[in-house]
C-alpha atoms as a PDB file:
ATOM      1  CA  MET A   1      -0.173  -0.025   0.166  1.00  0.00           C
ATOM      2  CA  GLU A   2       1.409   3.442  -1.055  1.00  0.00           C
ATOM      3  CA  SER A   3       0.347   6.671  -0.055  1.00  0.00           C
ATOM      4  CA  ARG A   4      -1.841   9.265  -2.242  1.00  0.00           C
ATOM      5  CA  THR A   5       1.293  11.206  -3.827  1.00  0.00           C
ATOM      6  CA  ALA A   6       4.149   8.821  -2.881  1.00  0.00           C
ATOM      7  CA  ALA A   7       4.565   8.120  -6.705  1.00  0.00           C
ATOM      8  CA  GLY A   8       4.355  11.472  -7.888  1.00  0.00           C
ATOM      9  CA  VAL A   9       7.053  12.604  -5.275  1.00  0.00           C
ATOM     10  CA  ARG A  10       9.601  10.259  -6.688  1.00  0.00           C
ATOM     11  CA  ALA A  11       9.054  10.627 -10.290  1.00  0.00           C
ATOM     12  CA  ASN A  12      11.791  12.488 -11.368  1.00  0.00           C
ATOM     13  CA  ARG A  13      14.529  11.446  -8.553  1.00  0.00           C
ATOM     14  CA  GLU A  14      16.801   8.337  -8.414  1.00  0.00           C
ATOM     15  CA  PRO A  15      17.494   6.693  -5.231  1.00  0.00           C
ATOM     16  CA  VAL A  16      20.709   6.602  -3.879  1.00  0.00           C
ATOM     17  CA  LEU A  17      20.059   3.406  -2.508  1.00  0.00           C
ATOM     18  CA  ALA A  18      17.291   1.046  -4.133  1.00  0.00           C
ATOM     19  CA  LEU A  19      16.854  -2.673  -2.782  1.00  0.00           C
ATOM     20  CA  SER A  20      14.217  -4.982  -4.110  1.00  0.00           C
ATOM     21  CA  GLY A  21      13.087  -8.964  -3.968  1.00  0.00           C
ATOM     22  CA  ILE A  22      15.025  -8.934  -0.642  1.00  0.00           C
ATOM     23  CA  SER A  23      14.835 -12.380   1.588  1.00  0.00           C
ATOM     24  CA  LYS A  24      16.472 -13.871   4.146  1.00  0.00           C
ATOM     25  CA  ARG A  25      16.306 -17.130   5.899  1.00  0.00           C
ATOM     26  CA  PHE A  26      17.894 -18.260   9.337  1.00  0.00           C
ATOM     27  CA  GLY A  27      17.457 -22.035   8.933  1.00  0.00           C
ATOM     28  CA  ALA A  28      13.683 -22.354   9.117  1.00  0.00           C
ATOM     29  CA  VAL A  29      12.812 -18.941   9.955  1.00  0.00           C
ATOM     30  CA  GLN A  30      11.987 -16.632   6.939  1.00  0.00           C
ATOM     31  CA  ALA A  31      12.783 -13.261   8.230  1.00  0.00           C
ATOM     32  CA  LEU A  32      12.339 -11.074   5.076  1.00  0.00           C
ATOM     33  CA  THR A  33      10.312 -12.305   1.807  1.00  0.00           C
ATOM     34  CA  ASP A  34      10.283 -10.097  -1.189  1.00  0.00           C
ATOM     35  CA  VAL A  35      11.121  -6.802   0.617  1.00  0.00           C
ATOM     36  CA  ALA A  36      11.591  -3.635  -1.514  1.00  0.00           C
ATOM     37  CA  LEU A  37      13.289  -0.182  -0.094  1.00  0.00           C
ATOM     38  CA  GLU A  38      14.393   2.915  -1.480  1.00  0.00           C
ATOM     39  CA  VAL A  39      16.461   5.729  -0.037  1.00  0.00           C
ATOM     40  CA  TYR A  40      16.689   8.942  -1.779  1.00  0.00           C
ATOM     41  CA  PRO A  41      19.405  11.967  -0.788  1.00  0.00           C
ATOM     42  CA  GLY A  42      18.518  14.511   1.831  1.00  0.00           C
ATOM     43  CA  GLU A  43      15.674  12.106   2.863  1.00  0.00           C
ATOM     44  CA  VAL A  44      14.731  10.463   6.149  1.00  0.00           C
ATOM     45  CA  VAL A  45      12.980   7.122   5.759  1.00  0.00           C
ATOM     46  CA  ALA A  46      11.472   5.710   8.964  1.00  0.00           C
ATOM     47  CA  LEU A  47      11.557   1.976   9.271  1.00  0.00           C
ATOM     48  CA  VAL A  48       8.608   0.947  11.377  1.00  0.00           C
ATOM     49  CA  GLY A  49       6.916  -2.471  12.217  1.00  0.00           C
ATOM     50  CA  ASP A  50       6.080  -4.244  15.513  1.00  0.00           C
ATOM     51  CA  ASN A  51       8.866  -6.629  17.002  1.00  0.00           C
ATOM     52  CA  GLY A  52       9.652  -9.492  14.576  1.00  0.00           C
ATOM     53  CA  ALA A  53       8.764  -7.479  11.471  1.00  0.00           C
ATOM     54  CA  GLY A  54      12.287  -7.638  10.171  1.00  0.00           C
ATOM     55  CA  LYS A  55      13.245  -4.229  10.396  1.00  0.00           C
ATOM     56  CA  SER A  56      16.597  -5.208  11.995  1.00  0.00           C
ATOM     57  CA  THR A  57      17.599  -7.788   9.532  1.00  0.00           C
ATOM     58  CA  MET A  58      16.400  -5.229   6.766  1.00  0.00           C
ATOM     59  CA  ILE A  59      19.485  -2.949   8.590  1.00  0.00           C
ATOM     60  CA  LYS A  60      21.764  -5.831   8.738  1.00  0.00           C
ATOM     61  CA  VAL A  61      21.232  -6.786   5.145  1.00  0.00           C
ATOM     62  CA  ILE A  62      21.902  -3.288   3.878  1.00  0.00           C
ATOM     63  CA  ALA A  63      25.073  -3.151   6.600  1.00  0.00           C
ATOM     64  CA  GLY A  64      26.453  -6.449   5.157  1.00  0.00           C
ATOM     65  CA  VAL A  65      26.032  -8.334   8.717  1.00  0.00           C
ATOM     66  CA  ASN A  66      23.961 -10.438   7.436  1.00  0.00           C
ATOM     67  CA  PRO A  67      23.887 -10.335   3.182  1.00  0.00           C
ATOM     68  CA  ALA A  68      20.585 -11.217   1.583  1.00  0.00           C
ATOM     69  CA  ASP A  69      19.707 -14.955   0.370  1.00  0.00           C
ATOM     70  CA  GLU A  70      17.933 -13.413  -2.890  1.00  0.00           C
ATOM     71  CA  GLY A  71      17.049  -9.762  -4.478  1.00  0.00           C
ATOM     72  CA  GLN A  72      18.870  -6.888  -5.654  1.00  0.00           C
ATOM     73  CA  ILE A  73      20.873  -4.122  -4.263  1.00  0.00           C
ATOM     74  CA  LEU A  74      21.342  -0.652  -6.903  1.00  0.00           C
ATOM     75  CA  TRP A  75      23.326   2.011  -5.518  1.00  0.00           C
ATOM     76  CA  GLU A  76      23.271   5.169  -7.451  1.00  0.00           C
ATOM     77  CA  GLY A  77      21.655   3.483  -9.943  1.00  0.00           C
ATOM     78  CA  LYS A  78      23.931   0.320 -10.532  1.00  0.00           C
ATOM     79  CA  PRO A  79      23.829  -3.320  -9.159  1.00  0.00           C
ATOM     80  CA  VAL A  80      26.130  -4.285  -6.379  1.00  0.00           C
ATOM     81  CA  THR A  81      26.865  -6.596  -3.809  1.00  0.00           C
ATOM     82  CA  ILE A  82      26.825  -6.158  -0.134  1.00  0.00           C
ATOM     83  CA  GLY A  83      28.325  -9.461   1.053  1.00  0.00           C
ATOM     84  CA  LYS A  84      30.190  -8.148   4.356  1.00  0.00           C
ATOM     85  CA  PRO A  85      30.145  -4.722   6.181  1.00  0.00           C
ATOM     86  CA  HIS A  86      33.351  -3.703   4.684  1.00  0.00           C
ATOM     87  CA  ASP A  87      31.433  -3.671   1.239  1.00  0.00           C
ATOM     88  CA  ALA A  88      28.827  -0.960   2.928  1.00  0.00           C
ATOM     89  CA  THR A  89      31.173   1.192   4.108  1.00  0.00           C
ATOM     90  CA  GLU A  90      33.226   1.363   0.891  1.00  0.00           C
ATOM     91  CA  LEU A  91      29.892   2.370  -0.866  1.00  0.00           C
ATOM     92  CA  GLY A  92      28.954   4.986   1.649  1.00  0.00           C
ATOM     93  CA  ILE A  93      26.742   3.373   4.178  1.00  0.00           C
ATOM     94  CA  ALA A  94      27.042   4.131   7.742  1.00  0.00           C
ATOM     95  CA  THR A  95      25.646   2.204  10.422  1.00  0.00           C
ATOM     96  CA  VAL A  96      25.151   3.513  14.055  1.00  0.00           C
ATOM     97  CA  TYR A  97      23.515   0.271  16.184  1.00  0.00           C
ATOM     98  CA  GLN A  98      21.173   0.912  19.186  1.00  0.00           C
ATOM     99  CA  ASP A  99      24.514  -0.265  21.805  1.00  0.00           C
ATOM    100  CA  LEU A 100      26.544   2.625  20.382  1.00  0.00           C
ATOM    101  CA  ALA A 101      29.796   0.641  20.735  1.00  0.00           C
ATOM    102  CA  LEU A 102      31.421   3.879  22.615  1.00  0.00           C
ATOM    103  CA  CYS A 103      34.599   3.228  24.824  1.00  0.00           C
ATOM    104  CA  ASP A 104      33.441   4.921  28.251  1.00  0.00           C
ATOM    105  CA  ASN A 105      37.399   5.336  29.095  1.00  0.00           C
ATOM    106  CA  LEU A 106      38.164   7.407  26.141  1.00  0.00           C
ATOM    107  CA  ASP A 107      37.362  11.064  25.539  1.00  0.00           C
ATOM    108  CA  VAL A 108      35.189  12.442  22.648  1.00  0.00           C
ATOM    109  CA  VAL A 109      38.327  12.646  20.158  1.00  0.00           C
ATOM    110  CA  GLY A 110      39.418   9.024  21.183  1.00  0.00           C
ATOM    111  CA  ASN A 111      35.928   7.642  20.623  1.00  0.00           C
ATOM    112  CA  LEU A 112      35.634   9.922  17.176  1.00  0.00           C
ATOM    113  CA  PHE A 113      38.735   8.259  15.655  1.00  0.00           C
ATOM    114  CA  LEU A 114      38.897   5.035  17.088  1.00  0.00           C
ATOM    115  CA  GLY A 115      40.414   2.857  14.578  1.00  0.00           C
ATOM    116  CA  ASN A 116      40.899   5.256  12.091  1.00  0.00           C
ATOM    117  CA  GLU A 117      43.913   7.395  13.963  1.00  0.00           C
ATOM    118  CA  ALA A 118      45.072  10.270  12.226  1.00  0.00           C
ATOM    119  CA  MET A 119      49.162   9.768  12.341  1.00  0.00           C
ATOM    120  CA  ARG A 120      52.272  12.225  11.685  1.00  0.00           C
ATOM    121  CA  HIS A 121      55.754  10.822  11.933  1.00  0.00           C
ATOM    122  CA  GLY A 122      54.722   7.539  13.312  1.00  0.00           C
ATOM    123  CA  PHE A 123      52.703   8.855  16.419  1.00  0.00           C
ATOM    124  CA  LEU A 124      48.998  10.053  17.115  1.00  0.00           C
ATOM    125  CA  ASP A 125      48.432  13.848  15.427  1.00  0.00           C
ATOM    126  CA  GLU A 126      46.224  14.794  18.651  1.00  0.00           C
ATOM    127  CA  ILE A 127      46.166  18.422  17.570  1.00  0.00           C
ATOM    128  CA  VAL A 128      44.517  17.109  14.182  1.00  0.00           C
ATOM    129  CA  MET A 129      42.277  14.901  15.721  1.00  0.00           C
ATOM    130  CA  GLU A 130      40.962  17.579  18.197  1.00  0.00           C
ATOM    131  CA  GLN A 131      40.600  20.095  15.418  1.00  0.00           C
ATOM    132  CA  ARG A 132      38.441  17.718  13.438  1.00  0.00           C
ATOM    133  CA  ALA A 133      36.614  16.605  15.957  1.00  0.00           C
ATOM    134  CA  THR A 134      35.679  20.092  17.120  1.00  0.00           C
ATOM    135  CA  GLU A 135      34.724  21.299  13.431  1.00  0.00           C
ATOM    136  CA  LEU A 136      32.432  18.088  13.119  1.00  0.00           C
ATOM    137  CA  LEU A 137      30.390  18.881  16.093  1.00  0.00           C
ATOM    138  CA  SER A 138      30.072  22.270  15.719  1.00  0.00           C
ATOM    139  CA  THR A 139      29.103  21.511  12.189  1.00  0.00           C
ATOM    140  CA  LEU A 140      26.256  19.314  13.663  1.00  0.00           C
ATOM    141  CA  SER A 141      25.214  22.002  16.311  1.00  0.00           C
ATOM    142  CA  VAL A 142      26.413  18.992  19.010  1.00  0.00           C
ATOM    143  CA  ARG A 143      26.470  20.800  22.358  1.00  0.00           C
ATOM    144  CA  ILE A 144      29.142  18.858  24.818  1.00  0.00           C
ATOM    145  CA  PRO A 145      31.743  20.952  26.936  1.00  0.00           C
ATOM    146  CA  THR A 146      34.908  20.174  25.304  1.00  0.00           C
ATOM    147  CA  VAL A 147      35.864  17.497  22.881  1.00  0.00           C
ATOM    148  CA  ARG A 148      38.576  16.234  25.521  1.00  0.00           C
ATOM    149  CA  ILE A 149      35.492  14.954  27.985  1.00  0.00           C
ATOM    150  CA  PRO A 150      35.460  11.436  28.654  1.00  0.00           C
ATOM    151  CA  VAL A 151      32.419   9.753  26.991  1.00  0.00           C
ATOM    152  CA  ALA A 152      31.449   8.097  30.471  1.00  0.00           C
ATOM    153  CA  SER A 153      30.479  11.332  31.492  1.00  0.00           C
ATOM    154  CA  LEU A 154      27.941  12.746  28.884  1.00  0.00           C
ATOM    155  CA  SER A 155      24.387  12.368  28.922  1.00  0.00           C
ATOM    156  CA  GLY A 156      22.470   9.628  26.538  1.00  0.00           C
ATOM    157  CA  GLY A 157      21.562  12.335  24.048  1.00  0.00           C
ATOM    158  CA  GLN A 158      25.233  13.347  23.825  1.00  0.00           C
ATOM    159  CA  ARG A 159      26.444   9.477  23.499  1.00  0.00           C
ATOM    160  CA  GLN A 160      23.919   9.147  20.462  1.00  0.00           C
ATOM    161  CA  SER A 161      25.688  12.491  19.178  1.00  0.00           C
ATOM    162  CA  VAL A 162      28.900  11.259  19.612  1.00  0.00           C
ATOM    163  CA  ALA A 163      28.098   7.797  17.835  1.00  0.00           C
ATOM    164  CA  ILE A 164      26.140   9.636  14.851  1.00  0.00           C
ATOM    165  CA  ALA A 165      29.115  12.000  14.462  1.00  0.00           C
ATOM    166  CA  ARG A 166      31.423   9.233  14.361  1.00  0.00           C
ATOM    167  CA  SER A 167      29.529   7.460  11.373  1.00  0.00           C
ATOM    168  CA  LEU A 168      30.419  10.998   9.325  1.00  0.00           C
ATOM    169  CA  LEU A 169      34.064  10.762   9.171  1.00  0.00           C
ATOM    170  CA  GLY A 170      33.930   8.827   6.363  1.00  0.00           C
ATOM    171  CA  GLU A 171      31.591  11.206   4.386  1.00  0.00           C
ATOM    172  CA  PRO A 172      28.343   8.320   3.835  1.00  0.00           C
ATOM    173  CA  LYS A 173      25.821   9.061   1.574  1.00  0.00           C
ATOM    174  CA  ILE A 174      23.599   7.125   3.815  1.00  0.00           C
ATOM    175  CA  VAL A 175      23.269   6.601   7.516  1.00  0.00           C
ATOM    176  CA  LEU A 176      21.171   3.671   9.086  1.00  0.00           C
ATOM    177  CA  LEU A 177      20.275   4.860  13.007  1.00  0.00           C
ATOM    178  CA  ASP A 178      18.894   2.187  14.524  1.00  0.00           C
ATOM    179  CA  GLU A 179      16.379   3.281  17.655  1.00  0.00           C
ATOM    180  CA  PRO A 180      18.672   6.264  18.169  1.00  0.00           C
ATOM    181  CA  THR A 181      16.052   7.519  20.809  1.00  0.00           C
ATOM    182  CA  ALA A 182      15.293   4.647  22.845  1.00  0.00           C
ATOM    183  CA  ALA A 183      15.567   5.194  26.973  1.00  0.00           C
ATOM    184  CA  LEU A 184      16.084   8.910  25.869  1.00  0.00           C
ATOM    185  CA  GLY A 185      14.440  11.682  27.969  1.00  0.00           C
ATOM    186  CA  VAL A 186      12.442  14.495  26.150  1.00  0.00           C
ATOM    187  CA  ALA A 187      15.516  17.222  25.928  1.00  0.00           C
ATOM    188  CA  GLN A 188      17.724  14.535  25.169  1.00  0.00           C
ATOM    189  CA  THR A 189      15.495  12.811  22.366  1.00  0.00           C
ATOM    190  CA  ALA A 190      14.931  16.492  20.950  1.00  0.00           C
ATOM    191  CA  GLN A 191      18.571  16.771  20.895  1.00  0.00           C
ATOM    192  CA  VAL A 192      18.912  13.934  18.688  1.00  0.00           C
ATOM    193  CA  LEU A 193      16.098  14.610  16.342  1.00  0.00           C
ATOM    194  CA  ASP A 194      17.615  17.906  15.653  1.00  0.00           C
ATOM    195  CA  LEU A 195      20.760  16.132  14.695  1.00  0.00           C
ATOM    196  CA  ILE A 196      18.649  13.612  12.278  1.00  0.00           C
ATOM    197  CA  GLU A 197      17.580  16.835  10.529  1.00  0.00           C
ATOM    198  CA  ARG A 198      20.910  18.485  10.215  1.00  0.00           C
ATOM    199  CA  LEU A 199      22.005  15.105   8.444  1.00  0.00           C
ATOM    200  CA  ARG A 200      19.107  15.147   5.682  1.00  0.00           C
ATOM    201  CA  ASP A 201      20.158  19.091   5.382  1.00  0.00           C
ATOM    202  CA  ARG A 202      23.879  17.651   4.619  1.00  0.00           C
ATOM    203  CA  GLY A 203      22.071  15.771   1.927  1.00  0.00           C
ATOM    204  CA  LEU A 204      22.358  12.459   3.348  1.00  0.00           C
ATOM    205  CA  GLY A 205      19.591   9.605   3.211  1.00  0.00           C
ATOM    206  CA  VAL A 206      18.837   8.595   6.468  1.00  0.00           C
ATOM    207  CA  ILE A 207      17.196   5.054   7.568  1.00  0.00           C
ATOM    208  CA  LEU A 208      15.416   5.565  10.729  1.00  0.00           C
ATOM    209  CA  ILE A 209      14.396   2.450  12.665  1.00  0.00           C
ATOM    210  CA  SER A 210      11.974   3.628  15.492  1.00  0.00           C
ATOM    211  CA  HIS A 211       8.928   2.278  17.632  1.00  0.00           C
ATOM    212  CA  ASN A 212       8.116   5.939  18.605  1.00  0.00           C
ATOM    213  CA  LEU A 213       5.795   7.023  16.226  1.00  0.00           C
ATOM    214  CA  ALA A 214       5.793  10.384  17.594  1.00  0.00           C
ATOM    215  CA  ASP A 215       9.394  10.536  16.732  1.00  0.00           C
ATOM    216  CA  VAL A 216       8.742   9.539  13.490  1.00  0.00           C
ATOM    217  CA  LYS A 217       6.460  12.112  12.670  1.00  0.00           C
ATOM    218  CA  ALA A 218       8.984  14.791  13.726  1.00  0.00           C
ATOM    219  CA  VAL A 219      11.711  14.034  11.264  1.00  0.00           C
ATOM    220  CA  ALA A 220      10.469  11.385   8.635  1.00  0.00           C
ATOM    221  CA  ASP A 221      10.064  12.638   5.648  1.00  0.00           C
ATOM    222  CA  ARG A 222       8.326   8.858   4.528  1.00  0.00           C
ATOM    223  CA  VAL A 223       7.524   5.952   6.625  1.00  0.00           C
ATOM    224  CA  VAL A 224       8.181   2.383   5.416  1.00  0.00           C
ATOM    225  CA  VAL A 225       6.581  -0.584   7.046  1.00  0.00           C
ATOM    226  CA  LEU A 226       7.281  -4.250   7.479  1.00  0.00           C
ATOM    227  CA  ARG A 227       4.801  -6.948   8.905  1.00  0.00           C
ATOM    228  CA  LEU A 228       6.093 -10.703   9.017  1.00  0.00           C
ATOM    229  CA  GLY A 229       9.212  -9.627   6.883  1.00  0.00           C
ATOM    230  CA  ARG A 230       7.082  -8.402   3.978  1.00  0.00           C
ATOM    231  CA  ASN A 231       6.366  -4.510   2.857  1.00  0.00           C
ATOM    232  CA  ALA A 232       2.845  -3.531   4.323  1.00  0.00           C
ATOM    233  CA  GLY A 233       2.994   0.091   3.514  1.00  0.00           C
ATOM    234  CA  ASP A 234       4.965   3.134   2.141  1.00  0.00           C
ATOM    235  CA  PHE A 235       3.872   6.570   2.923  1.00  0.00           C
ATOM    236  CA  ILE A 236       4.367   9.984   2.350  1.00  0.00           C
ATOM    237  CA  MET A 237       4.565  11.465   5.931  1.00  0.00           C
ATOM    238  CA  ALA A 238       2.546  14.671   5.076  1.00  0.00           C
ATOM    239  CA  ASP A 239      -0.016  12.555   3.738  1.00  0.00           C
ATOM    240  CA  ALA A 240      -0.521   9.664   6.309  1.00  0.00           C
ATOM    241  CA  THR A 241      -2.251   9.796   9.540  1.00  0.00           C
ATOM    242  CA  GLN A 242      -0.887   7.848  12.679  1.00  0.00           C
ATOM    243  CA  GLU A 243      -3.861   5.613  12.162  1.00  0.00           C
ATOM    244  CA  GLU A 244      -3.134   4.598   8.318  1.00  0.00           C
ATOM    245  CA  ILE A 245       0.349   3.868  10.057  1.00  0.00           C
ATOM    246  CA  VAL A 246      -1.063   1.826  12.751  1.00  0.00           C
ATOM    247  CA  GLN A 247      -3.262  -0.241  10.936  1.00  0.00           C
ATOM    248  CA  ALA A 248      -0.344  -1.045   7.911  1.00  0.00           C
ATOM    249  CA  ILE A 249       1.846  -2.250  11.297  1.00  0.00           C
ATOM    250  CA  THR A 250      -1.184  -4.095  13.037  1.00  0.00           C
ATOM    251  CA  GLY A 251      -2.188  -5.845   9.594  1.00  0.00           C
ATOM    252  CA  ALA A 252      -5.616  -3.897  10.231  1.00  0.00           C
ATOM    253  CA  SER A 253      -5.772  -2.174   6.876  1.00  0.00           C
ATOM    254  CA  ASP A 254      -5.748  -5.701   5.573  1.00  0.00           C
ATOM    255  CA  ASN A 255      -8.310  -6.864   7.495  1.00  0.00           C
ATOM    256  CA  ALA A 256     -10.239  -3.950   6.322  1.00  0.00           C
ATOM    257  CA  VAL A 257      -9.934  -4.939   2.715  1.00  0.00           C
ATOM    258  CA  SER A 258     -10.470  -8.543   3.484  1.00  0.00           C
ATOM    259  CA  ARG A 259     -13.805  -7.236   5.093  1.00  0.00           C
ATOM    260  CA  ARG A 260     -14.810  -4.698   2.339  1.00  0.00           C
ATOM    261  CA  ARG A 261     -14.180  -7.628  -0.515  1.00  0.00           C
ATOM    262  CA  ALA A 262     -16.106  -9.992   1.608  1.00  0.00           C
ATOM    263  CA  ARG A 263     -19.010  -7.548   1.712  1.00  0.00           C
ATOM    264  CA  GLY A 264     -19.137  -6.977  -1.476  1.00  0.00           C
ATOM    265  CA  ALA A 265     -18.969 -10.597  -2.918  1.00  0.00           C
ATOM    266  CA  ALA A 266     -22.303 -11.358  -1.041  1.00  0.00           C
ATOM    267  CA  GLN A 267     -23.796  -8.294  -2.649  1.00  0.00           C
ATOM    268  CA  VAL A 268     -23.265  -9.634  -5.565  1.00  0.00           C
ATOM    269  CA  VAL A 269     -24.226 -13.104  -4.736  1.00  0.00           C
ATOM    270  CA  ARG A 270     -27.376 -11.598  -3.394  1.00  0.00           C
ATOM    271  CA  LYS A 271     -28.072  -9.825  -6.243  1.00  0.00           C
ATOM    272  CA  GLU A 272     -27.551 -12.714  -8.870  1.00  0.00           C
ATOM    273  CA  ALA A 273     -30.003 -14.393  -6.434  1.00  0.00           C
ATOM    274  CA  GLY A 274     -32.718 -11.841  -7.192  1.00  0.00           C
ATOM    275  CA  GLN A 275     -32.609 -10.948  -3.340  1.00  0.00           C
END
């Protein structure tokens, strides 16, 4: 099911990432079946669905953690294979998982450049890394006391912002965010949502997994619904109501269609019977 104007909005644009026919099986469990997803530059796409809908599996397919068994992936219109995380990184796909993978004993600079340190004459170039960290966080309007503060001293929203900022050092074109506002307070959530909008303003495509429809409504341009490992809806956020999205998540919209078809068939039978 697609929203009323979705086709028209996308007509004259090419997605940076397009997946079609994506299927993934884990033993006897069919996690994804014939799933499609498109992401355009400067667009926030919310991927929503109930627990077990296949959201995390879809993210891991895109990130190369669990490659798809079937389907096609197009990157800027060209077929590509994402068989491992390195393939995704090379294309320009960055992933920020829910656990953030930050080192509490390191400061912000140390976390941003962990595994990708700037070197000069065989030694760490702390000055360059500190300058780049300060510039990046300033560009994203991330507010922290100093880039030399230990990550353990930061709030949940600040930690999430540091993790997102770290994903941008490789200059990606797509950023995947897995439940970035989970367990955050109101002020911290607002900080992260503001950062997501800044990613969009930089021309990045953002895939946002979230259970919070209020957060989705606040930042998403489009909402893609998965249900039982299949596509269940694709909505332009400005056109959709929360009720329509919830119906797609729960399958209520499918049940409504089935009931309407059943009533229509019954009316035809009664008509033919002369009743």
